[in-house]
Every structure is written in structure tokens, then in C-alpha cells.
Amino acid sequence: MTTSRLASVFWLAFASSALAFAPVSVPSKTLSSTGLGLSPFPSESGKSNNNNNNDQQSDERRLREFVNLEPLDQPDIRRQRLAEDDRVRSQYVSFGDDLWDLRTQMDDLSVQLLNAISEGKDSKEEEAREKLRQVEQKDPELVYMLEISSHEEAKKDGRLIDAQMHYDKAIEARSCLPQFNLEGLWVGKYGSHGYELINVTYVGDTLIATKVTGDKNVPRGEITFQADLHPMRHLEHANKNKHTFKGPFLQPIELTDKAARKWGTRQLPRYMGMGQVAEEGFINHQWMEGQLIIIGEDYFSFAWTPIQQQIFFGRPSPELALKMLRENGVSPLRTAKKWETPPSAEDDMQTQMEFVARCFEVSDEVQEDHLEMAEVGGADGYGCIFSPEDGDECYFE
């Protein structure tokens, strides 16, 4: 199958039925950005002068630890890696409206190609095929699927050099896809259980979300949801079940103009997955169908479709992560030693590690008195795509 024909199959499989989503529990406070993540802290306005003085003293104490620090030169290997990342990303259209416009252009070119083939016009067919081939190379998701397919074919034929070349190109395209860049800690509100931490990892192309802090139904250490994101495996499944299965390539969620301006994209792509549920005590735990909804590399949600539950996830700040871990039985970091000035690069590794531990401890102390989880509801909540004027529930449109 040629590249253009395989791409046409991809787009046909991608257009499947839409799904109405359930209410989403979201905080009413917009997350404020920090150097290492997003922090759902309430506004500091309205604090007493006494609290402001305490905060100022705490800030001054932290600043003394970092006085006279100079930025470290980046190693050559890191600069080379960053330059390579920039080179790879420059080849593809980034996530958002530019990508959706590109795919609309691909649809138009596919129609032109089919018309030229049906009319038997070879010159127009070749022209449309070349234009389509050039545009396809800018879509990282499509390139990933096509190169993985070519890699498997070359490997099956014993063309190992070609197989490695296609694999390298596939990995480059994969690195530009937000659904494959979600590793690490996330925080979301699990209904009445409150806010919980999860850790996202990958096994191959399968995204696995494990609970770092749990609840009485699904405890920490258990998988809360997973999604197989391998494009060819999805396409094969759709082809084998074409008479009974609508396909795993779900139609993206279309946003209103207002929501699109808020999130910087008019569509939210989604992928089939499986979510775990259980009775209290992790009894009768079972898997049910779900959907992973991508809002970019900063936000995503997962919907347990049969029970109409959807949870929105954002990156926690280091302070929030420490607080949640401590409250769930993890001992706080403690070091007996204190520093008036930070250790130098010539100090031994143990001293530097103790200093880093102390930095986290001070951060935790500074936030201890006023760190709160945001309340649920409100049209300005960071998880709200649409909110009715007379209600507290938020929906993805």
C-alpha cells in the first residue's frame, strides 16, 4: 500500500462518531504558573499585613540560600540535544489550530487525488499525489504511523538498514506528539475522594497512569487508567472489526469560539483507553472503556464512559506534590544541618544532596500555612471547557 493510500485509510478511520461527555469536577481558581509546574494556590490578595511580613521574611530566608549563584554552563552534550530537538520539531506543525488546518488541507488533496484517479488524468494524479506527500510529512502523528508501518514491512522483508531508518524517523515524529510526552506527576480531583496524584509512564506505546496517592476504592500503587496509543494496532483493530466496530480513532471534540480562544485550539483529540474502578477495599475491581482527551502537554483528562465520570489533570507544583505525599503517609524531608550560604560545586555529593533536601523542606514550610486545594465550580476553572451560567458543573463540548 502506498503512503498516500495508507494515509487515506487513516483519515477514513479517524472520522468516527462523537460522544457526549459527563460533568467534570474542576477547581474554581485558575492555576498560576511557577518555574517547575502549575500551582493551584488561591489568590494571595486579602492576606493580613502580618502574613505578608511572614511571607517576606520567608522569601528573604530562601534568597539567602541562593545569593551569588551564577548560571552553570550547559554541557556540550545537552546543547547538542536541545539543538537536535529544535531541528526535529521544526519539521512538523505543532499541536493546535495549525495542525487542524493542515489536516483539512490533506482532506482536500485526498479528494483531488481520488477525482484525478477516477477521471484517469495521470498528470493531475501525480501532481495531487506529490502535494499530498509533501503536506503529510508535516503531520507528526501521520508520519509516525506511516514510518512504523514501513519499519515493520522492512523488518519482515529482512531489510534491516531500511527498517532502522524508518524506525529512527518514527521516533523523531513520536517525540513531537503531546500524547507521548505526559510522563511524570499529575494531579486531578477524583470526585468525593478529593485530589489525588498519579504518575504517567509508558510501556512501548501504552500510556499507564498509576496512583501515587489513592483512595478507599482504588488505592495507591494501582493503575487508574491506561491507553494503547500505537497507531497501527488501532488501525488493524478497526479494519478487522469494520462491520461491528466504529473504530478507535474518535472524532476530536469541537470547541466553541470562546473555549477555543481560552485553550488555544479549536479541537481536542481523544483516544480509546481503559479505566479501572472498584468497590471499597479494592473489591470487584474491573476495567471499563474510557477515553484519553489531550489538551496539550500541560493538561489532559480521562473519561470513564460507562459511568459518565471524567477527571481533568494538571501538573502539580513541587510544594503541592510534597504536601500530598506527606499527607498520605510519606515522611517529610528532614536534615539537621542548616546553611547560611549554599555549598559550592567543589563540595562532596552528600553535602549537595542534603542542601537540596533542605531547599525542599523550606519550600514546604513557606507554603504550609496557606496551601489549599481550589474549590469546585466556576466558569473560570482551569478544567472548564464549558460551564452553564446557572450551574456548577463543567463540560467538555
Protein backbone atom coordinates (compact mmCIF):
# COMPACT_ATOMS: atom_id res chain seq x y z
CA MET A 1 0.00 0.00 0.00
CA THR A 2 1.42 3.38 -0.95
CA THR A 3 1.97 6.18 1.51
CA SER A 4 -0.90 8.28 0.15
CA ARG A 5 -3.32 5.36 0.06
CA LEU A 6 -2.42 4.35 3.61
CA ALA A 7 -2.91 7.95 4.67
CA SER A 8 -6.38 7.93 3.11
CA VAL A 9 -7.28 4.85 5.15
CA PHE A 10 -6.00 6.64 8.26
CA TRP A 11 -8.25 9.63 7.70
CA LEU A 12 -11.30 7.49 6.99
CA ALA A 13 -10.72 5.57 10.21
CA PHE A 14 -10.19 8.80 12.13
CA ALA A 15 -13.69 10.10 11.38
CA SER A 16 -15.90 8.18 13.84
CA SER A 17 -18.93 9.09 15.90
CA ALA A 18 -18.76 11.76 18.61
CA LEU A 19 -19.56 11.19 22.28
CA ALA A 20 -21.37 13.41 24.76
CA PHE A 21 -19.31 13.81 27.89
CA ALA A 22 -20.16 13.81 31.56
CA PRO A 23 -19.71 16.63 34.06
CA VAL A 24 -16.12 17.42 35.03
CA SER A 25 -15.14 18.40 38.55
CA VAL A 26 -12.79 21.34 38.36
CA PRO A 27 -11.27 23.92 40.69
CA SER A 28 -12.64 27.44 40.52
CA LYS A 29 -9.21 29.07 40.78
CA THR A 30 -7.07 29.39 37.70
CA LEU A 31 -3.69 27.76 38.14
CA SER A 32 -0.75 30.14 38.43
CA SER A 33 2.44 29.22 36.63
CA THR A 34 5.66 28.56 38.50
CA GLY A 35 9.15 27.72 37.44
CA LEU A 36 8.63 23.98 37.76
CA GLY A 37 4.95 23.46 37.05
CA LEU A 38 1.46 24.73 37.79
CA SER A 39 0.28 25.54 41.28
CA PRO A 40 -3.45 25.64 42.18
CA PHE A 41 -3.00 28.08 45.03
CA PRO A 42 -5.69 30.62 45.94
CA SER A 43 -5.01 34.29 45.39
CA GLU A 44 -2.80 35.95 47.97
CA SER A 45 -4.95 39.08 47.96
CA GLY A 46 -6.68 39.73 51.27
CA LYS A 47 -3.92 38.40 53.50
CA SER A 48 -3.19 40.35 56.63
CA ASN A 49 -0.12 42.56 56.90
CA ASN A 50 1.23 40.12 59.46
CA ASN A 51 1.01 37.25 56.97
CA ASN A 52 2.65 39.41 54.32
CA ASN A 53 5.53 40.16 56.68
CA ASN A 54 5.93 36.46 57.42
CA ASP A 55 5.95 35.69 53.71
CA GLN A 56 8.55 38.40 53.11
CA GLN A 57 10.77 37.00 55.85
CA SER A 58 10.41 33.50 54.40
CA ASP A 59 11.27 34.78 50.93
CA GLU A 60 14.35 36.56 52.29
CA ARG A 61 15.42 33.37 54.03
CA ARG A 62 15.17 31.48 50.74
CA LEU A 63 17.03 34.19 48.82
CA ARG A 64 20.00 33.96 51.19
CA GLU A 65 20.41 30.34 50.17
CA PHE A 66 20.82 31.29 46.53
CA VAL A 67 22.84 34.50 46.82
CA ASN A 68 25.73 34.95 44.40
CA LEU A 69 24.79 31.84 42.42
CA GLU A 70 25.88 32.05 38.80
CA PRO A 71 24.15 30.15 36.00
CA LEU A 72 26.01 26.99 35.12
CA ASP A 73 27.24 26.50 31.60
CA GLN A 74 25.30 23.80 29.80
CA PRO A 75 27.38 20.77 28.84
CA ASP A 76 28.04 20.34 25.15
CA ILE A 77 26.00 17.15 25.04
CA ARG A 78 22.95 18.97 26.43
CA ARG A 79 23.30 21.85 23.98
CA GLN A 80 23.55 19.34 21.13
CA ARG A 81 20.45 17.51 22.35
CA LEU A 82 18.44 20.75 22.61
CA ALA A 83 19.56 21.79 19.14
CA GLU A 84 18.52 18.38 17.80
CA ASP A 85 15.12 18.71 19.50
CA ASP A 86 14.61 22.10 17.86
CA ARG A 87 15.60 20.67 14.48
CA VAL A 88 13.12 17.80 14.78
CA ARG A 89 10.24 19.99 15.95
CA SER A 90 10.84 22.49 13.16
CA GLN A 91 9.97 19.77 10.64
CA TYR A 92 6.42 19.36 11.92
CA VAL A 93 3.38 21.51 12.53
CA SER A 94 2.80 21.96 16.25
CA PHE A 95 -0.28 20.85 18.17
CA GLY A 96 -3.22 23.21 17.78
CA ASP A 97 -5.11 25.02 15.05
CA ASP A 98 -2.19 24.93 12.61
CA LEU A 99 -2.31 21.13 12.74
CA TRP A 100 -6.07 21.03 12.22
CA ASP A 101 -5.72 23.37 9.22
CA LEU A 102 -3.03 21.09 7.82
CA ARG A 103 -5.32 18.07 8.11
CA THR A 104 -8.13 19.95 6.37
CA GLN A 105 -5.71 20.65 3.54
CA MET A 106 -4.83 16.94 3.44
CA ASP A 107 -8.52 16.05 3.16
CA ASP A 108 -8.91 18.41 0.21
CA LEU A 109 -5.84 16.99 -1.52
CA SER A 110 -7.09 13.44 -0.95
CA VAL A 111 -10.36 14.33 -2.69
CA GLN A 112 -8.42 15.85 -5.60
CA LEU A 113 -6.31 12.71 -5.86
CA LEU A 114 -9.34 10.40 -5.91
CA ASN A 115 -11.04 12.56 -8.55
CA ALA A 116 -7.90 12.51 -10.72
CA ILE A 117 -7.68 8.71 -10.41
CA SER A 118 -11.35 8.20 -11.29
CA GLU A 119 -11.03 10.51 -14.30
CA GLY A 120 -7.88 8.77 -15.49
CA LYS A 121 -5.89 12.01 -15.62
CA ASP A 122 -2.34 10.87 -14.91
CA SER A 123 -0.75 14.33 -14.80
CA LYS A 124 -3.28 15.65 -12.26
CA GLU A 125 -2.99 12.43 -10.27
CA GLU A 126 0.78 12.76 -9.98
CA GLU A 127 0.52 16.46 -9.10
CA ALA A 128 -2.07 15.81 -6.37
CA ARG A 129 -0.09 12.84 -5.05
CA GLU A 130 3.12 14.90 -4.77
CA LYS A 131 1.34 17.77 -2.98
CA LEU A 132 -0.27 15.31 -0.59
CA ARG A 133 3.07 13.64 0.10
CA GLN A 134 4.69 16.99 0.97
CA VAL A 135 1.86 18.00 3.32
CA GLU A 136 1.80 14.59 5.01
CA GLN A 137 5.41 14.98 6.08
CA LYS A 138 4.42 17.93 8.33
CA ASP A 139 1.93 15.94 10.44
CA PRO A 140 3.88 14.15 13.20
CA GLU A 141 1.08 11.72 14.04
CA LEU A 142 0.64 10.63 10.44
CA VAL A 143 4.41 10.40 9.88
CA TYR A 144 4.71 8.24 12.99
CA MET A 145 2.05 5.85 11.73
CA LEU A 146 3.48 5.64 8.21
CA GLU A 147 7.08 5.16 9.35
CA ILE A 148 6.10 2.48 11.87
CA SER A 149 4.26 0.66 9.07
CA SER A 150 7.29 0.95 6.77
CA HIS A 151 9.57 -0.19 9.59
CA GLU A 152 7.55 -3.35 10.17
CA GLU A 153 7.39 -4.14 6.45
CA ALA A 154 11.15 -3.65 6.01
CA LYS A 155 11.87 -5.78 9.07
CA LYS A 156 9.63 -8.54 7.77
CA ASP A 157 11.45 -8.47 4.41
CA GLY A 158 14.86 -8.62 6.08
CA ARG A 159 15.85 -5.10 5.02
CA LEU A 160 17.36 -4.23 8.38
CA ILE A 161 19.08 -0.99 7.33
CA ASP A 162 15.83 0.37 5.88
CA ALA A 163 13.95 -0.84 8.95
CA GLN A 164 16.29 1.12 11.24
CA MET A 165 15.98 4.24 9.07
CA HIS A 166 12.18 4.14 9.24
CA TYR A 167 12.31 3.46 12.98
CA ASP A 168 14.52 6.50 13.61
CA LYS A 169 12.13 8.73 11.65
CA ALA A 170 9.18 7.29 13.56
CA ILE A 171 10.80 8.05 16.92
CA GLU A 172 11.52 11.63 15.83
CA ALA A 173 7.87 12.17 14.89
CA ARG A 174 6.69 10.47 18.09
CA SER A 175 8.71 12.92 20.20
CA CYS A 176 6.56 15.78 18.84
CA LEU A 177 3.22 14.24 19.86
CA PRO A 178 1.72 15.53 23.14
CA GLN A 179 0.11 12.18 23.98
CA PHE A 180 3.61 10.67 24.19
CA ASN A 181 5.03 13.48 26.35
CA LEU A 182 2.95 13.11 29.51
CA GLU A 183 5.48 11.34 31.73
CA GLY A 184 5.58 12.33 35.36
CA LEU A 185 3.27 13.51 38.13
CA TRP A 186 -0.23 14.89 37.57
CA VAL A 187 -3.00 15.93 39.97
CA GLY A 188 -6.74 15.50 39.46
CA LYS A 189 -9.92 15.54 41.54
CA TYR A 190 -11.46 12.09 41.97
CA GLY A 191 -14.95 13.21 42.95
CA SER A 192 -15.70 12.92 46.66
CA HIS A 193 -12.29 11.32 47.26
CA GLY A 194 -10.65 14.67 46.62
CA TYR A 195 -7.42 15.46 44.82
CA GLU A 196 -5.04 12.60 44.03
CA LEU A 197 -1.59 12.30 42.46
CA ILE A 198 -0.95 9.96 39.56
CA ASN A 199 2.27 9.07 37.75
CA VAL A 200 2.23 8.57 33.98
CA THR A 201 4.68 6.17 32.37
CA TYR A 202 4.86 4.34 29.05
CA VAL A 203 5.40 0.72 28.12
CA GLY A 204 6.02 0.93 24.41
CA ASP A 205 3.13 3.00 23.11
CA THR A 206 0.84 2.17 26.02
CA LEU A 207 0.26 5.03 28.44
CA ILE A 208 -0.12 3.80 32.03
CA ALA A 209 -1.36 6.06 34.84
CA THR A 210 -0.61 4.74 38.34
CA LYS A 211 -1.97 6.22 41.54
CA VAL A 212 0.71 7.78 43.74
CA THR A 213 -1.92 8.73 46.33
CA GLY A 214 -5.05 6.63 46.34
CA ASP A 215 -8.47 6.26 47.97
CA LYS A 216 -10.57 3.58 49.62
CA ASN A 217 -11.73 2.22 46.26
CA VAL A 218 -8.57 2.19 44.12
CA PRO A 219 -5.52 2.55 46.44
CA ARG A 220 -2.11 3.97 45.62
CA GLY A 221 0.11 1.72 43.58
CA GLU A 222 -2.77 0.54 41.39
CA ILE A 223 -3.34 1.55 37.77
CA THR A 224 -6.14 4.07 37.44
CA PHE A 225 -6.30 4.08 33.62
CA GLN A 226 -4.29 3.17 30.54
CA ALA A 227 -4.45 3.78 26.80
CA ASP A 228 -2.79 1.95 23.92
CA LEU A 229 -1.67 4.74 21.58
CA HIS A 230 0.05 2.60 18.92
CA PRO A 231 -1.43 3.89 15.62
CA MET A 232 -1.06 0.73 13.55
CA ARG A 233 -2.55 -1.51 16.21
CA HIS A 234 -5.60 0.76 16.35
CA LEU A 235 -5.93 0.76 12.56
CA GLU A 236 -5.68 -3.05 12.38
CA HIS A 237 -8.36 -3.35 15.06
CA ALA A 238 -10.66 -1.04 13.12
CA ASN A 239 -10.14 -2.96 9.86
CA LYS A 240 -10.76 -6.37 11.47
CA ASN A 241 -13.99 -5.17 13.07
CA LYS A 242 -15.21 -2.78 10.42
CA HIS A 243 -18.74 -4.22 10.41
CA THR A 244 -19.28 -4.04 14.17
CA PHE A 245 -16.72 -1.58 15.49
CA LYS A 246 -16.75 2.14 14.81
CA GLY A 247 -13.00 2.41 15.15
CA PRO A 248 -10.63 3.67 17.82
CA PHE A 249 -9.92 6.95 16.05
CA LEU A 250 -12.53 9.05 17.75
CA GLN A 251 -13.72 12.30 16.28
CA PRO A 252 -12.00 15.25 18.00
CA ILE A 253 -14.07 17.36 20.36
CA GLU A 254 -15.03 20.62 18.65
CA LEU A 255 -14.88 23.68 20.91
CA THR A 256 -16.85 26.89 20.68
CA ASP A 257 -15.05 30.06 19.68
CA LYS A 258 -14.90 31.20 23.31
CA ALA A 259 -13.46 27.90 24.53
CA ALA A 260 -11.05 27.77 21.59
CA ARG A 261 -9.66 31.20 22.48
CA LYS A 262 -9.24 30.11 26.09
CA TRP A 263 -7.32 26.93 25.27
CA GLY A 264 -5.57 27.98 22.07
CA THR A 265 -7.08 25.19 19.99
CA ARG A 266 -10.48 24.56 18.45
CA GLN A 267 -10.24 20.76 18.70
CA LEU A 268 -9.31 18.26 21.40
CA PRO A 269 -8.11 14.89 20.08
CA ARG A 270 -9.04 11.77 22.05
CA TYR A 271 -8.02 8.13 22.17
CA MET A 272 -9.60 4.89 23.34
CA GLY A 273 -8.47 3.61 26.73
CA MET A 274 -9.45 1.53 29.75
CA GLY A 275 -10.18 2.88 33.24
CA GLN A 276 -10.19 0.87 36.47
CA VAL A 277 -12.98 1.01 39.07
CA ALA A 278 -13.59 -0.92 42.29
CA GLU A 279 -15.76 -1.14 45.37
CA GLU A 280 -14.40 -0.09 48.75
CA GLY A 281 -11.35 -2.10 49.74
CA PHE A 282 -10.42 -2.63 46.07
CA ILE A 283 -13.08 -5.34 45.84
CA ASN A 284 -14.52 -6.44 42.48
CA HIS A 285 -12.07 -4.22 40.64
CA GLN A 286 -12.67 -4.19 36.91
CA TRP A 287 -11.80 -2.36 33.72
CA MET A 288 -14.21 -0.36 31.62
CA GLU A 289 -13.98 1.62 28.38
CA GLY A 290 -12.66 5.13 28.58
CA GLN A 291 -11.20 7.96 26.57
CA LEU A 292 -7.96 9.90 26.93
CA ILE A 293 -8.53 13.53 25.91
CA ILE A 294 -5.47 15.60 25.01
CA ILE A 295 -5.48 19.34 25.67
CA GLY A 296 -1.76 19.76 25.03
CA GLU A 297 1.35 18.94 27.03
CA ASP A 298 0.07 20.87 30.08
CA TYR A 299 -3.40 19.37 30.53
CA PHE A 300 -5.37 16.24 29.71
CA SER A 301 -8.41 14.37 31.00
CA PHE A 302 -9.65 10.81 31.15
CA ALA A 303 -13.32 9.78 30.88
CA TRP A 304 -14.78 6.54 32.24
CA THR A 305 -17.57 6.47 29.65
CA PRO A 306 -19.98 3.81 31.07
CA ILE A 307 -20.26 5.58 34.43
CA GLN A 308 -20.01 9.07 32.91
CA GLN A 309 -17.08 10.22 35.04
CA GLN A 310 -14.36 12.50 33.72
CA ILE A 311 -11.30 13.76 35.57
CA PHE A 312 -9.17 16.70 34.49
CA PHE A 313 -5.42 16.58 35.22
CA GLY A 314 -2.82 19.34 35.53
CA ARG A 315 0.81 19.47 36.64
CA PRO A 316 1.29 19.92 40.40
CA SER A 317 3.84 22.32 41.81
CA PRO A 318 6.69 20.77 43.85
CA GLU A 319 5.13 22.21 47.03
CA LEU A 320 1.75 20.66 46.27
CA ALA A 321 3.29 17.28 45.45
CA LEU A 322 5.24 17.31 48.74
CA LYS A 323 2.14 18.23 50.72
CA MET A 324 0.04 15.47 49.16
CA LEU A 325 2.76 12.87 49.64
CA ARG A 326 3.24 13.87 53.28
CA GLU A 327 -0.49 13.77 54.00
CA ASN A 328 -0.63 10.27 52.55
CA GLY A 329 1.98 8.80 54.85
CA VAL A 330 5.27 9.86 53.27
CA SER A 331 7.66 11.34 55.84
CA PRO A 332 8.77 14.93 55.19
CA LEU A 333 12.35 15.61 54.25
CA ARG A 334 14.43 16.46 57.31
CA THR A 335 18.06 17.43 57.63
CA ALA A 336 19.79 18.52 60.82
CA LYS A 337 22.20 20.85 59.09
CA LYS A 338 21.36 24.40 58.01
CA TRP A 339 23.24 26.67 55.62
CA GLU A 340 23.85 30.39 55.67
CA THR A 341 25.31 30.09 52.17
CA PRO A 342 24.80 27.29 49.64
CA PRO A 343 27.51 24.67 49.10
CA SER A 344 29.84 25.13 46.16
CA ALA A 345 30.33 22.82 43.22
CA GLU A 346 33.54 21.58 44.89
CA ASP A 347 31.66 20.20 47.94
CA ASP A 348 31.05 16.47 48.15
CA MET A 349 27.89 14.94 46.68
CA GLN A 350 26.33 14.11 50.06
CA THR A 351 26.55 17.76 51.16
CA GLN A 352 24.90 18.91 47.94
CA MET A 353 22.14 16.32 48.33
CA GLU A 354 21.47 17.46 51.91
CA PHE A 355 21.29 21.06 50.72
CA VAL A 356 18.74 20.16 48.01
CA ALA A 357 16.69 18.30 50.64
CA ARG A 358 16.78 21.39 52.82
CA CYS A 359 15.57 23.55 49.92
CA PHE A 360 12.52 21.32 49.52
CA GLU A 361 11.89 21.44 53.26
CA VAL A 362 11.99 25.25 53.32
CA SER A 363 9.66 25.39 50.31
CA ASP A 364 7.25 23.15 52.16
CA GLU A 365 7.41 25.30 55.28
CA VAL A 366 6.77 28.51 53.33
CA GLN A 367 3.63 27.11 51.72
CA GLU A 368 2.41 25.19 54.77
CA ASP A 369 0.12 27.88 56.17
CA HIS A 370 -1.65 28.97 53.02
CA LEU A 371 -1.58 26.00 50.64
CA GLU A 372 -5.14 24.98 49.89
CA MET A 373 -6.77 22.94 47.17
CA ALA A 374 -9.07 25.02 44.97
CA GLU A 375 -12.82 24.70 45.43
CA VAL A 376 -15.04 23.06 42.81
CA GLY A 377 -17.04 25.03 40.26
CA GLY A 378 -16.96 28.35 38.47
CA ALA A 379 -16.67 29.34 34.84
CA ASP A 380 -13.02 30.32 35.22
CA GLY A 381 -11.88 26.93 36.50
CA TYR A 382 -8.80 25.59 34.78
CA GLY A 383 -10.65 22.40 33.84
CA CYS A 384 -13.72 24.08 32.43
CA ILE A 385 -14.32 23.93 28.71
CA PHE A 386 -17.98 24.94 29.06
CA SER A 387 -19.96 25.96 32.12
CA PRO A 388 -23.70 26.69 32.23
CA GLU A 389 -24.46 30.11 33.69
CA ASP A 390 -26.73 28.74 36.43
CA GLY A 391 -24.76 25.65 37.40
CA ASP A 392 -21.54 24.50 38.98
CA GLU A 393 -20.87 21.62 36.59
CA CYS A 394 -18.42 21.98 33.72
CA TYR A 395 -18.49 20.06 30.49
CA PHE A 396 -16.27 19.29 27.57
CA GLU A 397 -18.21 20.26 24.49
